[in-house]
C-alpha atoms as a PDB file:
ATOM      1  CA  MET A   1       8.680   0.617  15.888  1.00  0.00           C
ATOM      2  CA  SER A   2       9.912   2.832  18.654  1.00  0.00           C
ATOM      3  CA  GLY A   3       8.191   2.015  21.921  1.00  0.00           C
ATOM      4  CA  ILE A   4       6.687  -1.272  20.694  1.00  0.00           C
ATOM      5  CA  ALA A   5       8.369  -4.488  21.829  1.00  0.00           C
ATOM      6  CA  PHE A   6       8.393  -6.994  18.977  1.00  0.00           C
ATOM      7  CA  ASP A   7       8.132 -10.147  21.042  1.00  0.00           C
ATOM      8  CA  ASP A   8       6.473 -13.332  19.745  1.00  0.00           C
ATOM      9  CA  HIS A   9       2.964 -12.081  20.577  1.00  0.00           C
ATOM     10  CA  MET A  10       3.399  -8.709  18.872  1.00  0.00           C
ATOM     11  CA  SER A  11       5.052 -10.351  15.866  1.00  0.00           C
ATOM     12  CA  ARG A  12       2.005 -12.596  15.430  1.00  0.00           C
ATOM     13  CA  THR A  13      -0.267  -9.556  15.793  1.00  0.00           C
ATOM     14  CA  ILE A  14       1.638  -7.741  13.051  1.00  0.00           C
ATOM     15  CA  GLU A  15       1.571 -10.827  10.837  1.00  0.00           C
ATOM     16  CA  ALA A  16      -2.226 -11.032  11.158  1.00  0.00           C
ATOM     17  CA  LEU A  17      -2.494  -7.344  10.245  1.00  0.00           C
ATOM     18  CA  TYR A  18      -0.287  -7.899   7.185  1.00  0.00           C
ATOM     19  CA  LEU A  19      -2.529 -10.759   6.035  1.00  0.00           C
ATOM     20  CA  THR A  20      -5.648  -8.566   5.815  1.00  0.00           C
ATOM     21  CA  PRO A  21      -6.892  -7.851   2.274  1.00  0.00           C
ATOM     22  CA  ASP A  22      -5.988  -4.170   2.745  1.00  0.00           C
ATOM     23  CA  VAL A  23      -2.297  -4.925   3.251  1.00  0.00           C
ATOM     24  CA  VAL A  24      -2.290  -7.732   0.678  1.00  0.00           C
ATOM     25  CA  GLU A  25      -3.328  -5.091  -1.876  1.00  0.00           C
ATOM     26  CA  GLN A  26      -0.636  -2.727  -0.586  1.00  0.00           C
ATOM     27  CA  ARG A  27       1.948  -5.490  -1.028  1.00  0.00           C
ATOM     28  CA  ARG A  28       0.779  -6.058  -4.607  1.00  0.00           C
ATOM     29  CA  ARG A  29       1.297  -2.398  -5.408  1.00  0.00           C
ATOM     30  CA  VAL A  30       4.755  -2.367  -3.811  1.00  0.00           C
ATOM     31  CA  LEU A  31       5.771  -5.384  -5.908  1.00  0.00           C
ATOM     32  CA  GLU A  32       4.380  -3.699  -9.011  1.00  0.00           C
ATOM     33  CA  ALA A  33       6.479  -0.604  -8.274  1.00  0.00           C
ATOM     34  CA  LEU A  34       9.642  -2.673  -7.737  1.00  0.00           C
ATOM     35  CA  ARG A  35       9.461  -4.298 -11.211  1.00  0.00           C
ATOM     36  CA  LEU A  36      11.674  -7.184 -10.115  1.00  0.00           C
ATOM     37  CA  GLN A  37      13.297  -9.375 -12.750  1.00  0.00           C
ATOM     38  CA  PRO A  38      14.651 -12.933 -12.442  1.00  0.00           C
ATOM     39  CA  GLY A  39      18.262 -12.922 -11.303  1.00  0.00           C
ATOM     40  CA  GLU A  40      18.169  -9.526  -9.593  1.00  0.00           C
ATOM     41  CA  ARG A  41      19.507  -8.783  -6.118  1.00  0.00           C
ATOM     42  CA  VAL A  42      16.965  -7.121  -3.821  1.00  0.00           C
ATOM     43  CA  LEU A  43      17.101  -5.828  -0.239  1.00  0.00           C
ATOM     44  CA  ASP A  44      14.170  -5.662   2.188  1.00  0.00           C
ATOM     45  CA  ILE A  45      14.858  -3.084   4.921  1.00  0.00           C
ATOM     46  CA  GLY A  46      12.631  -4.040   7.836  1.00  0.00           C
ATOM     47  CA  SER A  47      11.505  -7.432   6.552  1.00  0.00           C
ATOM     48  CA  GLY A  48       9.069  -8.079   9.423  1.00  0.00           C
ATOM     49  CA  PRO A  49       7.211 -11.403   9.153  1.00  0.00           C
ATOM     50  CA  GLY A  50       8.606 -11.985   5.653  1.00  0.00           C
ATOM     51  CA  LEU A  51       5.456 -11.762   3.531  1.00  0.00           C
ATOM     52  CA  LEU A  52       6.886  -9.189   1.133  1.00  0.00           C
ATOM     53  CA  ALA A  53      10.294 -10.873   1.242  1.00  0.00           C
ATOM     54  CA  GLN A  54       8.792 -14.198   0.245  1.00  0.00           C
ATOM     55  CA  ALA A  55       7.063 -12.610  -2.745  1.00  0.00           C
ATOM     56  CA  MET A  56      10.238 -10.767  -3.771  1.00  0.00           C
ATOM     57  CA  ALA A  57      12.302 -13.946  -3.505  1.00  0.00           C
ATOM     58  CA  GLU A  58       9.811 -15.604  -5.820  1.00  0.00           C
ATOM     59  CA  GLY A  59      10.168 -12.670  -8.205  1.00  0.00           C
ATOM     60  CA  VAL A  60      13.965 -12.811  -8.493  1.00  0.00           C
ATOM     61  CA  GLY A  61      14.048 -16.622  -8.480  1.00  0.00           C
ATOM     62  CA  PRO A  62      16.893 -18.974  -7.533  1.00  0.00           C
ATOM     63  CA  GLU A  63      19.344 -17.133  -9.789  1.00  0.00           C
ATOM     64  CA  GLY A  64      18.720 -13.959  -7.795  1.00  0.00           C
ATOM     65  CA  ARG A  65      19.249 -12.962  -4.173  1.00  0.00           C
ATOM     66  CA  LEU A  66      16.930 -11.643  -1.478  1.00  0.00           C
ATOM     67  CA  CYS A  67      18.406 -10.126   1.683  1.00  0.00           C
ATOM     68  CA  GLY A  68      16.220  -8.976   4.550  1.00  0.00           C
ATOM     69  CA  ILE A  69      17.153  -7.115   7.703  1.00  0.00           C
ATOM     70  CA  ASP A  70      15.171  -6.452  10.853  1.00  0.00           C
ATOM     71  CA  ARG A  71      15.910  -5.467  14.450  1.00  0.00           C
ATOM     72  CA  SER A  72      13.520  -8.040  15.940  1.00  0.00           C
ATOM     73  CA  GLU A  73      14.690 -11.612  16.475  1.00  0.00           C
ATOM     74  CA  ALA A  74      11.049 -12.757  16.581  1.00  0.00           C
ATOM     75  CA  MET A  75      10.363 -11.177  13.200  1.00  0.00           C
ATOM     76  CA  LEU A  76      13.563 -12.625  11.729  1.00  0.00           C
ATOM     77  CA  ALA A  77      12.612 -16.106  12.908  1.00  0.00           C
ATOM     78  CA  MET A  78       9.179 -15.713  11.319  1.00  0.00           C
ATOM     79  CA  ALA A  79      10.670 -14.525   7.996  1.00  0.00           C
ATOM     80  CA  ARG A  80      13.167 -17.385   7.918  1.00  0.00           C
ATOM     81  CA  ARG A  81      10.408 -19.927   8.479  1.00  0.00           C
ATOM     82  CA  ARG A  82       8.281 -18.362   5.753  1.00  0.00           C
ATOM     83  CA  CYS A  83      11.139 -18.455   3.224  1.00  0.00           C
ATOM     84  CA  VAL A  84      12.585 -21.833   4.199  1.00  0.00           C
ATOM     85  CA  GLY A  85      11.923 -23.181   0.703  1.00  0.00           C
ATOM     86  CA  GLN A  86      13.837 -20.288  -0.884  1.00  0.00           C
ATOM     87  CA  PRO A  87      17.534 -20.798  -0.034  1.00  0.00           C
ATOM     88  CA  TRP A  88      18.472 -17.686  -2.007  1.00  0.00           C
ATOM     89  CA  ALA A  89      16.635 -15.627   0.662  1.00  0.00           C
ATOM     90  CA  GLU A  90      18.628 -14.694   3.769  1.00  0.00           C
ATOM     91  CA  PHE A  91      17.888 -12.595   6.831  1.00  0.00           C
ATOM     92  CA  GLU A  92      19.998 -10.967   9.504  1.00  0.00           C
ATOM     93  CA  LYS A  93      19.655  -8.590  12.407  1.00  0.00           C
ATOM     94  CA  ALA A  94      20.742  -5.086  11.427  1.00  0.00           C
ATOM     95  CA  ASP A  95      19.815  -1.425  11.566  1.00  0.00           C
ATOM     96  CA  ALA A  96      18.629   0.704   8.645  1.00  0.00           C
ATOM     97  CA  THR A  97      21.431   3.199   9.299  1.00  0.00           C
ATOM     98  CA  ARG A  98      24.157   0.505   9.225  1.00  0.00           C
ATOM     99  CA  LEU A  99      23.448  -1.942   6.426  1.00  0.00           C
ATOM    100  CA  PRO A 100      25.829  -4.941   6.544  1.00  0.00           C
ATOM    101  CA  TYR A 101      26.485  -5.107   2.796  1.00  0.00           C
ATOM    102  CA  PRO A 102      29.199  -3.818   0.428  1.00  0.00           C
ATOM    103  CA  ASP A 103      28.684  -0.862  -1.879  1.00  0.00           C
ATOM    104  CA  ALA A 104      26.528  -1.457  -4.976  1.00  0.00           C
ATOM    105  CA  SER A 105      25.289  -4.860  -3.751  1.00  0.00           C
ATOM    106  CA  PHE A 106      21.679  -4.582  -4.948  1.00  0.00           C
ATOM    107  CA  ASP A 107      19.633  -3.822  -8.033  1.00  0.00           C
ATOM    108  CA  ALA A 108      16.627  -2.784  -5.943  1.00  0.00           C
ATOM    109  CA  ALA A 109      15.671  -2.134  -2.334  1.00  0.00           C
ATOM    110  CA  VAL A 110      12.403  -1.646  -0.501  1.00  0.00           C
ATOM    111  CA  SER A 111      11.399  -0.275   2.880  1.00  0.00           C
ATOM    112  CA  THR A 112       7.779  -0.370   4.052  1.00  0.00           C
ATOM    113  CA  GLN A 113       6.679   1.240   7.298  1.00  0.00           C
ATOM    114  CA  VAL A 114      10.246   1.569   8.626  1.00  0.00           C
ATOM    115  CA  TYR A 115      11.779   4.989   8.045  1.00  0.00           C
ATOM    116  CA  GLU A 116       9.078   6.773  10.035  1.00  0.00           C
ATOM    117  CA  TYR A 117      10.637   5.055  13.076  1.00  0.00           C
ATOM    118  CA  VAL A 118      14.285   5.800  12.156  1.00  0.00           C
ATOM    119  CA  ARG A 119      15.648   8.871  13.903  1.00  0.00           C
ATOM    120  CA  ASP A 120      18.423   9.722  11.420  1.00  0.00           C
ATOM    121  CA  ILE A 121      16.733   9.806   8.012  1.00  0.00           C
ATOM    122  CA  PRO A 122      19.756  11.251   6.114  1.00  0.00           C
ATOM    123  CA  ALA A 123      21.954   8.437   7.458  1.00  0.00           C
ATOM    124  CA  ALA A 124      19.401   5.772   6.520  1.00  0.00           C
ATOM    125  CA  LEU A 125      18.995   7.140   2.992  1.00  0.00           C
ATOM    126  CA  ALA A 126      22.763   7.450   2.570  1.00  0.00           C
ATOM    127  CA  GLU A 127      23.087   3.771   3.461  1.00  0.00           C
ATOM    128  CA  LEU A 128      20.282   2.884   1.073  1.00  0.00           C
ATOM    129  CA  ARG A 129      22.030   4.737  -1.730  1.00  0.00           C
ATOM    130  CA  ARG A 130      25.404   3.193  -0.886  1.00  0.00           C
ATOM    131  CA  VAL A 131      24.237  -0.417  -1.246  1.00  0.00           C
ATOM    132  CA  LEU A 132      22.379   0.187  -4.531  1.00  0.00           C
ATOM    133  CA  ARG A 133      24.133  -0.042  -7.872  1.00  0.00           C
ATOM    134  CA  SER A 134      24.092   3.026 -10.121  1.00  0.00           C
ATOM    135  CA  GLY A 135      20.568   3.290 -11.507  1.00  0.00           C
ATOM    136  CA  GLY A 136      19.275   0.949  -8.801  1.00  0.00           C
ATOM    137  CA  ARG A 137      15.645   1.265  -7.745  1.00  0.00           C
ATOM    138  CA  ALA A 138      14.401   2.274  -4.286  1.00  0.00           C
ATOM    139  CA  VAL A 139      10.785   1.865  -3.194  1.00  0.00           C
ATOM    140  CA  ILE A 140       9.777   3.434   0.122  1.00  0.00           C
ATOM    141  CA  LEU A 141       6.355   3.319   1.724  1.00  0.00           C
ATOM    142  CA  ASP A 142       5.434   5.176   4.908  1.00  0.00           C
ATOM    143  CA  THR A 143       2.316   6.580   6.556  1.00  0.00           C
ATOM    144  CA  ASP A 144       1.378  10.180   7.247  1.00  0.00           C
ATOM    145  CA  TYR A 145      -0.624   9.939  10.460  1.00  0.00           C
ATOM    146  CA  GLY A 146      -2.058  13.390   9.898  1.00  0.00           C
ATOM    147  CA  SER A 147      -4.347  11.605   7.434  1.00  0.00           C
ATOM    148  CA  LEU A 148      -5.893   9.410  10.154  1.00  0.00           C
ATOM    149  CA  VAL A 149      -9.681   9.817  10.340  1.00  0.00           C
ATOM    150  CA  ILE A 150     -11.671   7.803  12.901  1.00  0.00           C
ATOM    151  CA  HIS A 151     -15.283   8.598  13.674  1.00  0.00           C
ATOM    152  CA  THR A 152     -16.156   8.849  17.367  1.00  0.00           C
ATOM    153  CA  GLU A 153     -18.876  10.277  19.565  1.00  0.00           C
ATOM    154  CA  ASP A 154     -16.355  10.996  22.343  1.00  0.00           C
ATOM    155  CA  GLU A 155     -13.747  13.354  20.922  1.00  0.00           C
ATOM    156  CA  ALA A 156     -11.984  13.915  24.246  1.00  0.00           C
ATOM    157  CA  ARG A 157     -11.431  10.206  24.806  1.00  0.00           C
ATOM    158  CA  MET A 158     -10.280   9.786  21.206  1.00  0.00           C
ATOM    159  CA  ALA A 159      -7.742  12.577  21.717  1.00  0.00           C
ATOM    160  CA  ARG A 160      -6.315  10.878  24.821  1.00  0.00           C
ATOM    161  CA  VAL A 161      -5.895   7.520  23.076  1.00  0.00           C
ATOM    162  CA  LEU A 162      -4.353   9.075  19.979  1.00  0.00           C
ATOM    163  CA  ALA A 163      -1.964  11.146  22.092  1.00  0.00           C
ATOM    164  CA  ALA A 164      -0.750   7.936  23.743  1.00  0.00           C
ATOM    165  CA  TRP A 165      -0.376   6.236  20.355  1.00  0.00           C
ATOM    166  CA  ASP A 166       1.424   9.205  18.784  1.00  0.00           C
ATOM    167  CA  ALA A 167       4.130   9.037  21.453  1.00  0.00           C
ATOM    168  CA  HIS A 168       5.731   6.017  19.775  1.00  0.00           C
ATOM    169  CA  PHE A 169       6.452   7.822  16.485  1.00  0.00           C
ATOM    170  CA  ILE A 170       9.625   9.594  15.463  1.00  0.00           C
ATOM    171  CA  HIS A 171       8.421  10.946  12.097  1.00  0.00           C
ATOM    172  CA  PRO A 172       4.597  10.721  11.974  1.00  0.00           C
ATOM    173  CA  ASP A 173       4.536  13.017   8.933  1.00  0.00           C
ATOM    174  CA  LEU A 174       7.562  11.650   7.032  1.00  0.00           C
ATOM    175  CA  PRO A 175       5.900  11.410   3.572  1.00  0.00           C
ATOM    176  CA  ARG A 176       5.528  15.202   3.472  1.00  0.00           C
ATOM    177  CA  LYS A 177       9.318  15.554   3.667  1.00  0.00           C
ATOM    178  CA  LEU A 178      10.510  12.387   1.975  1.00  0.00           C
ATOM    179  CA  SER A 179      10.870  13.736  -1.583  1.00  0.00           C
ATOM    180  CA  ARG A 180      13.197  16.475  -0.329  1.00  0.00           C
ATOM    181  CA  GLU A 181      15.184  14.029   1.807  1.00  0.00           C
ATOM    182  CA  MET A 182      15.580  11.562  -1.053  1.00  0.00           C
ATOM    183  CA  ARG A 183      16.757  14.205  -3.500  1.00  0.00           C
ATOM    184  CA  ALA A 184      19.277  15.450  -0.938  1.00  0.00           C
ATOM    185  CA  ALA A 185      20.562  11.882  -0.538  1.00  0.00           C
ATOM    186  CA  GLY A 186      21.208  11.504  -4.275  1.00  0.00           C
ATOM    187  CA  PHE A 187      18.018   9.914  -5.556  1.00  0.00           C
ATOM    188  CA  SER A 188      15.806  10.921  -8.439  1.00  0.00           C
ATOM    189  CA  VAL A 189      12.168  10.516  -7.404  1.00  0.00           C
ATOM    190  CA  ARG A 190      10.345   8.917 -10.337  1.00  0.00           C
ATOM    191  CA  SER A 191       6.816   8.569  -8.996  1.00  0.00           C
ATOM    192  CA  ARG A 192       4.649   8.993  -5.897  1.00  0.00           C
ATOM    193  CA  LEU A 193       1.216   7.683  -5.111  1.00  0.00           C
ATOM    194  CA  SER A 194      -1.130   7.285  -2.176  1.00  0.00           C
ATOM    195  CA  ILE A 195      -2.487   3.986  -0.877  1.00  0.00           C
ATOM    196  CA  PRO A 196      -5.550   4.455   1.347  1.00  0.00           C
ATOM    197  CA  MET A 197      -6.366   2.079   4.163  1.00  0.00           C
ATOM    198  CA  PHE A 198     -10.102   2.692   4.163  1.00  0.00           C
ATOM    199  CA  ASN A 199     -12.561   0.581   6.153  1.00  0.00           C
ATOM    200  CA  PRO A 200     -16.138   1.917   6.409  1.00  0.00           C
ATOM    201  CA  GLU A 201     -17.169  -1.206   8.334  1.00  0.00           C
ATOM    202  CA  PHE A 202     -15.830  -2.575  11.612  1.00  0.00           C
ATOM    203  CA  GLN A 203     -15.211  -6.153  10.528  1.00  0.00           C
ATOM    204  CA  ASP A 204     -12.773  -8.958  11.238  1.00  0.00           C
ATOM    205  CA  ASN A 205      -9.841  -9.363   8.862  1.00  0.00           C
ATOM    206  CA  THR A 206      -9.624  -5.661   8.081  1.00  0.00           C
ATOM    207  CA  TYR A 207      -6.682  -3.368   8.601  1.00  0.00           C
ATOM    208  CA  GLY A 208      -8.826  -0.863  10.508  1.00  0.00           C
ATOM    209  CA  LYS A 209     -10.048  -3.291  13.160  1.00  0.00           C
ATOM    210  CA  GLY A 210      -6.613  -4.825  13.673  1.00  0.00           C
ATOM    211  CA  MET A 211      -4.966  -1.420  13.907  1.00  0.00           C
ATOM    212  CA  LEU A 212      -7.522  -0.068  16.386  1.00  0.00           C
ATOM    213  CA  GLU A 213      -7.073  -3.126  18.584  1.00  0.00           C
ATOM    214  CA  MET A 214      -3.307  -2.618  18.592  1.00  0.00           C
ATOM    215  CA  MET A 215      -3.708   1.088  19.351  1.00  0.00           C
ATOM    216  CA  ALA A 216      -5.992   0.351  22.310  1.00  0.00           C
ATOM    217  CA  SER A 217      -3.509  -2.146  23.723  1.00  0.00           C
ATOM    218  CA  PHE A 218      -0.575   0.236  23.272  1.00  0.00           C
ATOM    219  CA  ALA A 219      -2.373   3.151  24.975  1.00  0.00           C
ATOM    220  CA  VAL A 220      -2.883   1.251  28.246  1.00  0.00           C
ATOM    221  CA  GLY A 221      -0.421   2.454  30.865  1.00  0.00           C
ATOM    222  CA  ARG A 222       0.586   5.437  28.750  1.00  0.00           C
ATOM    223  CA  GLY A 223      -1.883   7.891  30.230  1.00  0.00           C
ATOM    224  CA  VAL A 224      -4.913   5.754  29.363  1.00  0.00           C
ATOM    225  CA  PRO A 225      -6.337   3.281  31.925  1.00  0.00           C
ATOM    226  CA  GLN A 226      -7.446  -0.166  30.793  1.00  0.00           C
ATOM    227  CA  SER A 227     -11.119   0.678  31.350  1.00  0.00           C
ATOM    228  CA  GLU A 228     -10.920   3.705  29.069  1.00  0.00           C
ATOM    229  CA  ALA A 229      -9.042   1.819  26.342  1.00  0.00           C
ATOM    230  CA  ASP A 230     -11.668  -0.924  26.510  1.00  0.00           C
ATOM    231  CA  ALA A 231     -14.491   1.609  26.249  1.00  0.00           C
ATOM    232  CA  TRP A 232     -12.753   3.350  23.319  1.00  0.00           C
ATOM    233  CA  PHE A 233     -12.444   0.072  21.407  1.00  0.00           C
ATOM    234  CA  ALA A 234     -15.978  -1.050  22.318  1.00  0.00           C
ATOM    235  CA  GLU A 235     -17.412   2.129  20.793  1.00  0.00           C
ATOM    236  CA  PHE A 236     -16.539   0.896  17.320  1.00  0.00           C
ATOM    237  CA  THR A 237     -18.828  -2.109  17.677  1.00  0.00           C
ATOM    238  CA  ALA A 238     -21.640   0.252  18.680  1.00  0.00           C
ATOM    239  CA  LEU A 239     -20.914   2.551  15.758  1.00  0.00           C
ATOM    240  CA  GLU A 240     -20.905  -0.393  13.363  1.00  0.00           C
ATOM    241  CA  ALA A 241     -24.338  -1.441  14.641  1.00  0.00           C
ATOM    242  CA  LYS A 242     -25.623   2.020  13.706  1.00  0.00           C
ATOM    243  CA  GLY A 243     -23.869   2.017  10.344  1.00  0.00           C
ATOM    244  CA  GLU A 244     -21.588   4.855  11.461  1.00  0.00           C
ATOM    245  CA  PHE A 245     -18.140   3.277  11.708  1.00  0.00           C
ATOM    246  CA  PHE A 246     -15.440   5.055   9.696  1.00  0.00           C
ATOM    247  CA  PHE A 247     -11.656   4.452   9.549  1.00  0.00           C
ATOM    248  CA  SER A 248      -9.289   5.922   6.981  1.00  0.00           C
ATOM    249  CA  LEU A 249      -5.494   6.298   6.863  1.00  0.00           C
ATOM    250  CA  ASN A 250      -3.215   7.141   3.939  1.00  0.00           C
ATOM    251  CA  ARG A 251       0.102   5.535   3.111  1.00  0.00           C
ATOM    252  CA  TYR A 252       2.424   6.981   0.464  1.00  0.00           C
ATOM    253  CA  LEU A 253       4.621   5.085  -1.977  1.00  0.00           C
ATOM    254  CA  PHE A 254       7.779   6.651  -3.406  1.00  0.00           C
ATOM    255  CA  VAL A 255       9.698   5.138  -6.328  1.00  0.00           C
ATOM    256  CA  ALA A 256      13.200   6.509  -6.863  1.00  0.00           C
ATOM    257  CA  GLU A 257      16.443   5.765  -8.679  1.00  0.00           C
ATOM    258  CA  LYS A 258      20.035   6.127  -7.532  1.00  0.00           C
ATOM    259  CA  THR A 259      21.587   8.853  -9.641  1.00  0.00           C
ATOM    260  CA  ALA A 260      25.229   9.082 -10.646  1.00  0.00           C
ATOM    261  CA  PRO A 261      27.522  11.088  -8.311  1.00  0.00           C
END
């Protein structure tokens, strides 16, 4: 993510977020869309802590191959540890616009929550297409942050925190344009669906609470003082006590196929 340093602490924070039931369900739906078969070769662009990679490696089995790339050494170390019992899974540091693999190397590829932070979308999609075999499958999931709904009784404070958070995006509305970009890159878009992250309660082990905590931390020093970020986050406990907490955010899943030249 642009503007977020993926050190050991942040990597553990992201891992905890990815272990919430909300993201576990998202991962299930991504795997369902991929339709992996034993022996296939699959690429994970932005493998993060390796939770999806581990599941994909299990799906293709020891006769297959799982390759994951990430720009964070801390994330790569976490993914390697998670997949240590799967020697057919490998990870390396690389960029989505410069994939270190030959043409037509993979049967399928996936990217979750990555392209919205990549400045050159046409270059990234061209690379994705290049490394897929003809007819290869691409599954892309990204968030449209225009769908973010958070209840508050202090709209001005909410606007300041969200303005600080929004500064780290490159494409906060990428899903609206992704079908067009994928067709231009030589993909046939087969299906699209929305995956809501909806938490009507402020509870531990939910995506909403983890995300709000990360947003509060990120906003500090970016136009929002610590005291205001603390007060913003504390409001959600008060709203929960009144039965008025509300958090909703939509992610969008695109399934496409590499078409012939």
